[in-house]
Structure formats: structure tokens, C-alpha cells
Protein backbone atom coordinates (compact mmCIF):
# COMPACT_ATOMS: atom_id res chain seq x y z
CA MET A 1 -45.98 203.43 128.19
CA GLU A 2 -44.69 203.77 131.72
CA LEU A 3 -46.01 202.44 135.00
CA THR A 4 -44.64 202.42 138.54
CA LEU A 5 -44.96 199.70 141.14
CA GLU A 6 -45.44 201.37 144.52
CA LEU A 7 -44.27 199.00 147.22
CA PRO A 8 -44.78 199.34 150.97
CA GLY A 9 -41.92 199.37 153.43
CA SER A 10 -39.80 201.70 155.47
CA PRO A 11 -39.00 203.64 153.45
CA PRO A 12 -41.50 202.87 150.66
CA ARG A 13 -39.97 201.63 147.41
CA SER A 14 -40.88 201.85 143.77
CA SER A 15 -39.99 200.03 140.59
CA ARG A 16 -40.47 201.76 137.24
CA VAL A 17 -41.47 199.86 134.10
CA ARG A 18 -41.01 201.36 130.64
CA ILE A 19 -42.52 199.68 127.58
CA GLY A 20 -42.10 200.75 123.96
CA GLU A 21 -40.26 200.27 120.69
CA ASP A 22 -37.77 203.08 121.18
CA ILE A 23 -36.37 202.15 124.59
CA LEU A 24 -32.89 200.97 123.63
CA GLU A 25 -31.37 204.00 121.94
CA ASN A 26 -30.85 206.10 125.06
CA LEU A 27 -30.73 203.37 127.67
CA PRO A 28 -26.99 203.56 128.53
CA GLU A 29 -27.18 207.35 128.94
CA SER A 30 -30.35 207.10 131.03
CA LEU A 31 -28.79 204.59 133.41
CA SER A 32 -25.51 206.49 133.62
CA SER A 33 -27.39 209.67 134.46
CA ARG A 34 -29.45 207.97 137.16
CA TRP A 35 -26.44 206.16 138.68
CA GLU A 36 -23.85 208.88 138.29
CA GLY A 37 -20.70 207.96 140.18
CA SER A 38 -21.50 204.24 140.10
CA ARG A 39 -20.09 201.56 137.84
CA ILE A 40 -22.74 199.75 135.83
CA PHE A 41 -22.14 196.10 135.03
CA TRP A 42 -24.18 194.64 132.17
CA ILE A 43 -24.70 190.89 132.46
CA TRP A 44 -25.88 189.54 129.12
CA ASP A 45 -27.39 186.29 128.00
CA ARG A 46 -24.57 185.25 125.70
CA ALA A 47 -26.93 184.35 122.83
CA VAL A 48 -28.73 187.71 123.03
CA HIS A 49 -25.42 189.54 123.02
CA ALA A 50 -24.26 187.71 119.90
CA LEU A 51 -27.47 188.57 118.08
CA TRP A 52 -27.86 192.18 119.21
CA HIS A 53 -24.33 193.46 119.69
CA PRO A 54 -23.97 194.60 116.03
CA ARG A 55 -27.29 196.43 116.18
CA LEU A 56 -26.43 198.13 119.44
CA ARG A 57 -23.09 199.29 118.09
CA GLU A 58 -24.99 200.92 115.22
CA MET A 59 -27.03 202.75 117.86
CA GLY A 60 -23.81 204.04 119.40
CA TRP A 61 -23.62 201.69 122.36
CA ARG A 62 -20.12 201.34 123.78
CA PRO A 63 -19.15 199.80 127.12
CA SER A 64 -16.89 202.10 129.11
CA SER A 65 -14.84 199.03 129.95
CA GLU A 66 -14.91 195.47 128.65
CA ASP A 67 -15.03 194.34 132.28
CA GLU A 68 -18.44 195.93 132.53
CA TRP A 69 -20.01 193.64 129.90
CA ILE A 70 -20.21 190.10 131.27
CA LEU A 71 -21.60 187.25 129.17
CA PHE A 72 -23.66 184.55 130.88
CA PRO A 73 -24.49 181.16 129.28
CA ALA A 74 -28.17 181.36 130.17
CA SER A 75 -30.00 178.05 130.39
CA GLU A 76 -32.02 176.22 132.99
CA SER A 77 -29.06 173.87 133.55
CA ASN A 78 -26.90 176.91 134.41
CA LYS A 79 -29.42 178.33 136.85
CA ARG A 80 -27.29 177.06 139.74
CA LEU A 81 -25.33 178.36 142.71
CA SER A 82 -22.12 177.43 140.90
CA GLN A 83 -22.91 179.94 138.15
CA LEU A 84 -23.89 182.54 140.74
CA GLU A 85 -20.51 182.13 142.40
CA GLU A 86 -18.70 182.42 139.09
CA LEU A 87 -20.51 185.65 138.25
CA ALA A 88 -19.80 187.05 141.71
CA ARG A 89 -16.10 186.29 141.35
CA ARG A 90 -16.10 188.00 137.96
CA LEU A 91 -17.55 191.09 139.61
CA VAL A 92 -14.94 191.04 142.36
CA ARG A 93 -12.11 190.74 139.84
CA ALA A 94 -13.61 193.61 137.85
CA GLY A 95 -13.72 195.82 140.93
CA ALA A 96 -17.49 195.94 141.56
CA ASP A 97 -18.24 197.52 144.92
CA ARG A 98 -21.29 198.37 147.04
CA ARG A 99 -22.13 201.34 144.81
CA SER A 100 -22.13 199.27 141.63
CA VAL A 101 -25.31 198.50 139.69
CA LEU A 102 -26.12 195.32 137.76
CA VAL A 103 -28.20 195.24 134.57
CA ALA A 104 -29.65 191.92 133.43
CA VAL A 105 -30.12 191.63 129.66
CA GLY A 106 -31.82 188.43 128.63
CA GLY A 107 -34.72 186.15 129.38
CA GLY A 108 -36.11 184.76 132.60
CA VAL A 109 -33.05 182.73 133.58
CA THR A 110 -30.75 185.73 133.21
CA GLY A 111 -33.14 187.96 135.14
CA ASP A 112 -33.57 185.46 137.98
CA VAL A 113 -29.85 184.80 138.36
CA VAL A 114 -28.73 188.43 138.10
CA GLY A 115 -31.49 189.56 140.46
CA PHE A 116 -30.37 186.95 143.00
CA LEU A 117 -26.74 187.98 142.53
CA ALA A 118 -27.63 191.64 143.13
CA SER A 119 -29.54 190.74 146.28
CA VAL A 120 -26.55 189.00 147.91
CA TYR A 121 -23.49 190.68 146.41
CA MET A 122 -21.93 192.74 149.22
CA ARG A 123 -25.25 192.25 151.05
CA GLY A 124 -27.28 193.80 148.28
CA ILE A 125 -26.78 196.24 145.42
CA PRO A 126 -29.28 197.75 142.96
CA HIS A 127 -30.15 196.10 139.68
CA CYS A 128 -32.19 196.81 136.57
CA GLN A 129 -33.83 194.43 134.14
CA VAL A 130 -33.82 194.52 130.34
CA PRO A 131 -36.00 191.52 129.44
CA THR A 132 -35.56 190.24 125.89
CA THR A 133 -38.09 187.40 125.70
CA LEU A 134 -41.88 187.51 125.74
CA LEU A 135 -42.00 185.38 128.89
CA ALA A 136 -39.62 187.72 130.72
CA GLN A 137 -41.41 190.85 129.54
CA VAL A 138 -44.90 189.75 130.54
CA ASP A 139 -43.99 187.94 133.73
CA SER A 140 -40.62 187.11 135.24
CA SER A 141 -38.92 190.53 135.08
CA ILE A 142 -41.65 192.16 137.22
CA GLY A 143 -42.23 191.47 140.88
CA GLY A 144 -38.81 191.05 142.43
CA LYS A 145 -38.61 187.25 142.58
CA THR A 146 -35.10 185.91 142.06
CA GLY A 147 -33.71 182.42 142.32
CA VAL A 148 -31.71 179.42 141.25
CA ASP A 149 -32.60 175.74 141.10
CA LEU A 150 -31.59 172.74 143.17
CA PRO A 151 -31.70 169.14 141.92
CA GLU A 152 -34.71 168.74 144.21
CA GLY A 153 -36.75 171.49 142.59
CA LYS A 154 -37.04 174.74 140.68
CA ASN A 155 -36.26 178.14 142.29
CA LEU A 156 -35.81 176.64 145.75
CA LEU A 157 -33.09 179.18 146.57
CA GLY A 158 -33.89 182.83 146.03
CA THR A 159 -34.86 186.20 147.39
CA PHE A 160 -37.27 189.06 146.84
CA HIS A 161 -35.20 191.89 145.40
CA GLN A 162 -37.08 194.46 143.36
CA ALA A 163 -35.47 195.85 140.24
CA HIS A 164 -34.99 199.60 140.37
CA SER A 165 -36.25 199.85 136.79
CA ILE A 166 -37.36 197.54 134.00
CA TRP A 167 -36.84 198.50 130.37
CA MET A 168 -38.90 196.62 127.79
CA ASP A 169 -38.25 197.19 124.12
CA ILE A 170 -40.60 195.06 122.03
CA ARG A 171 -38.07 195.08 119.17
CA PHE A 172 -36.32 192.27 121.02
CA LEU A 173 -39.37 190.15 120.22
CA GLU A 174 -38.79 190.57 116.47
CA THR A 175 -35.73 188.33 116.68
CA LEU A 176 -37.15 185.90 119.24
CA PRO A 177 -37.30 182.36 117.82
CA PRO A 178 -40.86 181.11 117.25
CA GLU A 179 -40.44 178.43 119.91
CA GLU A 180 -39.47 181.02 122.51
CA PHE A 181 -42.37 183.26 121.52
CA ARG A 182 -44.71 180.28 121.91
CA GLN A 183 -43.42 179.63 125.42
CA GLY A 184 -44.12 183.22 126.39
CA MET A 185 -47.67 183.00 125.10
CA ALA A 186 -48.45 180.47 127.83
CA GLU A 187 -47.81 183.20 130.42
CA VAL A 188 -49.88 185.68 128.39
CA ILE A 189 -52.81 183.26 128.34
CA LYS A 190 -52.33 182.66 132.08
CA THR A 191 -52.44 186.39 132.78
CA ALA A 192 -55.63 186.86 130.79
CA MET A 193 -57.26 183.92 132.56
CA ILE A 194 -56.26 185.25 136.00
CA GLY A 195 -57.76 188.69 135.83
CA ASP A 196 -58.07 190.40 132.46
CA PRO A 197 -61.19 189.43 130.49
CA SER A 198 -60.53 192.18 127.93
CA LEU A 199 -57.09 190.74 127.20
CA TRP A 200 -58.68 187.33 126.80
CA GLU A 201 -61.14 188.71 124.26
CA TYR A 202 -58.28 190.43 122.45
CA LEU A 203 -56.29 187.20 122.25
CA GLU A 204 -59.25 185.37 120.77
CA SER A 205 -60.09 188.10 118.25
CA HIS A 206 -56.54 189.21 117.29
CA SER A 207 -54.63 185.94 117.35
CA GLU A 208 -53.17 186.40 113.87
CA ASP A 209 -52.04 189.95 114.63
CA VAL A 210 -50.19 188.72 117.70
CA ARG A 211 -48.70 185.78 115.84
CA SER A 212 -47.52 188.13 113.11
CA ARG A 213 -45.86 190.20 115.87
CA ARG A 214 -47.40 193.45 114.76
CA SER A 215 -45.98 196.14 116.99
CA GLU A 216 -49.35 197.52 118.12
CA SER A 217 -50.47 194.01 119.11
CA LEU A 218 -47.25 193.30 121.01
CA LEU A 219 -47.55 196.60 122.86
CA ARG A 220 -51.17 195.79 123.76
CA VAL A 221 -50.30 192.32 125.05
CA VAL A 222 -47.15 193.24 126.96
CA SER A 223 -48.69 196.36 128.52
CA SER A 224 -51.81 194.50 129.66
CA CYS A 225 -49.79 191.75 131.28
CA CYS A 226 -47.50 194.22 133.02
CA ARG A 227 -50.39 196.24 134.39
CA LEU A 228 -52.04 193.17 135.90
CA LYS A 229 -48.86 191.80 137.41
CA ALA A 230 -47.95 195.20 138.85
CA ARG A 231 -51.37 195.43 140.49
CA VAL A 232 -51.01 191.97 142.04
CA VAL A 233 -47.46 192.58 143.28
CA GLU A 234 -48.40 195.93 144.83
CA ALA A 235 -51.16 194.19 146.78
CA ASP A 236 -49.00 191.26 147.94
CA GLU A 237 -45.29 191.61 147.25
CA ARG A 238 -44.15 188.59 149.29
CA GLU A 239 -46.82 186.13 148.14
CA SER A 240 -48.52 185.82 151.51
CA GLY A 241 -51.93 185.45 149.90
CA TYR A 242 -53.30 187.24 146.85
CA ARG A 243 -50.13 186.93 144.75
CA MET A 244 -50.72 183.17 144.63
CA VAL A 245 -53.14 183.78 141.76
CA LEU A 246 -50.08 184.26 139.52
CA ASN A 247 -49.30 180.56 140.04
CA LEU A 248 -52.15 179.39 137.81
CA GLY A 249 -50.80 176.33 135.99
CA HIS A 250 -47.55 176.31 137.94
CA THR A 251 -48.36 173.72 140.60
CA VAL A 252 -48.64 170.85 138.13
CA GLY A 253 -46.38 172.68 135.68
CA HIS A 254 -43.33 172.81 137.96
CA ALA A 255 -43.85 169.16 138.92
CA LEU A 256 -43.97 168.23 135.24
CA GLU A 257 -40.78 170.14 134.54
CA LYS A 258 -39.04 168.30 137.37
CA THR A 259 -40.18 164.81 136.34
CA THR A 260 -38.92 165.39 132.79
CA GLY A 261 -35.55 166.70 133.96
CA TYR A 262 -36.55 170.16 132.62
CA ALA A 263 -36.64 168.77 129.09
CA PHE A 264 -40.27 169.93 129.00
CA ARG A 265 -40.24 173.69 128.45
CA HIS A 266 -41.71 176.06 131.03
CA GLY A 267 -44.45 177.47 128.82
CA ASP A 268 -45.55 174.00 127.74
CA ALA A 269 -45.59 172.86 131.37
CA VAL A 270 -47.68 175.88 132.42
CA ALA A 271 -50.16 175.18 129.62
CA VAL A 272 -50.59 171.58 130.78
CA GLY A 273 -50.88 172.84 134.35
CA MET A 274 -53.59 175.31 133.35
CA ALA A 275 -55.50 172.56 131.57
CA ALA A 276 -55.22 170.36 134.66
CA ALA A 277 -56.43 173.17 136.93
CA ALA A 278 -59.32 173.89 134.57
CA ARG A 279 -60.38 170.24 134.57
CA ILE A 280 -60.26 170.08 138.36
CA SER A 281 -62.43 173.20 138.42
CA LEU A 282 -64.80 171.66 135.87
CA ASN A 283 -65.15 168.50 137.97
CA ARG A 284 -65.97 170.68 140.98
CA GLY A 285 -68.66 172.51 139.06
CA GLU A 286 -66.84 175.87 139.17
CA LEU A 287 -65.86 176.16 135.49
CA SER A 288 -68.12 175.53 132.52
CA MET A 289 -67.24 173.09 129.77
CA LYS A 290 -67.46 175.97 127.28
CA ASN A 291 -64.75 177.92 129.09
CA LEU A 292 -62.54 174.82 129.41
CA GLN A 293 -62.85 174.40 125.65
CA ARG A 294 -61.99 178.08 125.07
CA LEU A 295 -58.83 177.69 127.14
CA GLU A 296 -57.76 174.53 125.38
CA SER A 297 -58.60 175.98 121.97
CA LEU A 298 -56.46 179.08 122.53
CA CYS A 299 -53.59 176.91 123.78
CA ARG A 300 -53.85 174.70 120.70
CA PHE A 301 -53.75 177.77 118.44
CA TRP A 302 -50.33 178.54 119.89
CA GLY A 303 -49.18 174.93 119.74
CA LEU A 304 -49.26 174.62 123.52
CA PRO A 305 -50.07 171.16 124.91
CA THR A 306 -53.11 170.45 127.06
CA THR A 307 -52.40 166.76 127.75
CA LEU A 308 -49.52 165.03 129.49
CA PRO A 309 -46.51 164.17 127.35
CA GLY A 310 -45.65 160.52 126.88
CA GLY A 311 -43.53 159.04 129.62
CA SER A 312 -44.95 161.25 132.38
CA PRO A 313 -46.72 158.92 134.82
CA PRO A 314 -49.29 160.78 136.91
CA ASP A 315 -47.95 159.25 140.13
CA GLU A 316 -44.48 160.70 139.48
CA ILE A 317 -45.99 164.14 139.00
CA LEU A 318 -47.94 163.77 142.24
CA ALA A 319 -44.74 162.80 144.06
CA ALA A 320 -42.98 165.87 142.66
CA LEU A 321 -45.71 168.12 144.08
CA SER A 322 -44.32 167.43 147.56
CA ALA A 323 -41.17 169.43 146.71
CA ASP A 324 -43.04 172.45 145.36
CA LYS A 325 -41.73 175.59 147.09
CA LYS A 326 -45.30 176.93 147.15
CA ARG A 327 -46.38 174.06 149.41
CA PHE A 328 -47.26 175.25 152.93
CA LEU A 329 -47.73 173.03 156.00
CA GLY A 330 -47.90 169.96 153.82
CA VAL A 331 -50.60 171.41 151.57
CA ASN A 332 -50.44 172.29 147.88
CA HIS A 333 -52.39 175.38 146.88
CA PHE A 334 -54.11 175.17 143.52
CA VAL A 335 -55.25 178.17 141.51
CA LEU A 336 -58.48 177.19 139.77
CA PRO A 337 -60.12 179.17 136.94
CA ARG A 338 -63.79 179.94 137.33
CA ALA A 339 -64.29 182.07 134.20
CA MET A 340 -62.18 184.00 131.72
CA GLY A 341 -60.51 186.54 133.98
CA GLU A 342 -61.53 185.00 137.31
CA VAL A 343 -59.69 182.48 139.49
CA THR A 344 -59.79 181.20 143.05
CA VAL A 345 -57.07 179.72 145.27
CA ARG A 346 -57.91 176.40 146.92
CA SER A 347 -56.04 174.36 149.51
CA ASP A 348 -58.62 171.57 149.81
CA ILE A 349 -57.79 169.70 146.62
CA ALA A 350 -57.40 166.00 147.41
CA LEU A 351 -54.60 164.14 145.65
CA GLU A 352 -57.18 161.74 144.25
CA GLU A 353 -58.81 164.65 142.41
CA VAL A 354 -55.49 165.56 140.86
CA ARG A 355 -54.65 161.94 140.06
CA ASP A 356 -57.98 161.40 138.29
CA VAL A 357 -57.46 164.48 136.12
CA LEU A 358 -53.85 163.60 135.29
CA ARG A 359 -54.85 160.07 134.33
CA ALA A 360 -57.56 161.43 132.05
CA MET A 361 -55.07 163.85 130.49
CA SER A 362 -52.51 161.10 129.90
CA SER A 363 -55.02 159.02 127.95
CA SER A 364 -56.54 161.88 125.91
């Protein structure tokens, strides 16, 4: 499958997304052909490189120079300006110039950091994404958001820098640890809840096929998520309005990550955040109890939490909301589900409403 994000501007831009199970074989040749005369620097998640390097060599992959394969110790703790500087200095020492191209191979952390690096290196060079996790394939690799963390909050430094192309081979998901696959499913569930009722029905009726990682199921899930995100990004690239719907579960989720020192994984945090948003919507009479139960049931199937973890006082989470980068003019915007595949963005949620829901979720 192939789709193209058409983005406004002067001149207009586009970002091509390719999805399949035969993407890897000809990828180096495809990129070399497109960027003839440019040096291509591959920045790998070190763990992905260790696992896949033997397989890629069997496919005939060879770097033209060892300088052009850079290994990055991808982790949330390394999603910092210090690591960005180290990577930039590696590029300088390797001779990267303004015509060079970066390729990010890894999960969301790798994609965010390399995208940010490409946006600022010599005032901006092209980059491509090769996402290797479910979370990166269905969400973070598409849309052009880049960033690193500060101690005060997640992704507080970053840019919008669209990838020239995104290459998704679902075979990467075959070797993805179950825990990482589970984290990605939180973003899949979020996408279905935002605007794809047919994907929601598929997740409910084909859960075992997806859990077994059958290729046709993975292609269905990844393609559906990419189509929806592409549609949202085309309509609102810079998150001035409509793109906020993609933040379902992230308002409380990011605050929860911060209060636990990022020990609580992103997918788990988003699942708790979705449950919190659904309960706020229920209390407001906008979501039915049946649909809240469907959401929580699907999360439980994937082992995703829908209550607060122990040691997460609601008041600490509320305090962390004040540092959310999505907060505007002192107001947090909450994405609330109204039905499977329908959400609304609200800026009139009182802190007491959130506190009541969090307290109920901490005692469940």
C-alpha cells in the first residue's frame, strides 16, 4: 500500500508512506536513486541494529561507509539535547553536509530525535523514517512532529519537520517484544476511537488474529491507522485545531508519565488517559456506559491499564497538567470520546471534574 500526505505551503510539500512486507529488500537502492549525489546517513536504534543486521546482510545490505551507519542508544532517558548534540557532532566528523540525508531506523524515540536533528542540522536537511515498532508505524513516524524532553516535561523542545518518505515493513513487528507490541496497541485503539468505527469493529472481532500477528491483520491495522493520521495531518499540519483529536488520552497520559519519572510506559499512560477522558465524557452525559465498557474491555484484552497505578496521587497528576505543551492560555484541552469513532475537543473541563475521575480511578 502507498499513500501520500499532501501538505500546503509555498511550495506545497508531500510525504510518501509505503506499507508492506517486502519493503526492506530494495530500500537502500531506492533511497540512493532518489538522493543521487547525496550521502545518506542511517541512524539506527542500537537494539534494532543488533537484531536485524544479520538479516539485512543476507538481503545484500552494505553501508557504503561505516561512518554512514550511526548507532543510537534509543530510550526515553536519552531523548535529550545532549544526545542530539552528540549525534550532530558525529555527523560533522563524518563529513555530513547540507546535501546529506538522514534515515531514522527504530521506534518513536529514534524517529523523534533524528527528525529533530534533521530539522536543525545546517538549518535543515531532508530525512526519511523507517519505523520498526507498532507505535511508530501507526502514529509517531507520520505527521512531522519531532522533539526531545526536558526535566519539566515531554517533547517540550521540537519542530515540525516532515519526513520525505516513510517506509513501513511489517516484518519488523515479527521480532517486536510482546511488551512493545502491547504499547503500540494503545495508539491503535486510540486511532479507532478517534475516527475509524470500522477499525474499532475489526479490533473487537479479530483480536486474536492481531495478537497472533498474522500479516494480513497487521497490514489492515497499520494501513487504517496511517490513513486516518494522514487525513488529520493534511487538514491541520501544525495542530492549530483539528489535529488536537490525535491527543486523545495524552493529556492525562503525559502527566502520568511525568509523575512516575517515565517509569510508566507511554502506551499504558495513554490507555489510562483514554479511560479518564471516557469517564469525564460519561459524567457529562456524552458517552454511554456501554461504550465506556467496550473501551475498557478492549484495553484489558491487551493488558492495558484503565486505572491509576499505585503511588500516583491524583493531585500530583493535576499539577503536572500545568506543564503540558498542549496547554494554551492556561487552559488544558481534553479530547473526549462520544462514540466509537467520534470525539470532541473541550477546553471547559474544570479541574474538579478531572480530580473526581482520577480519584475514582485510583480506588477502582
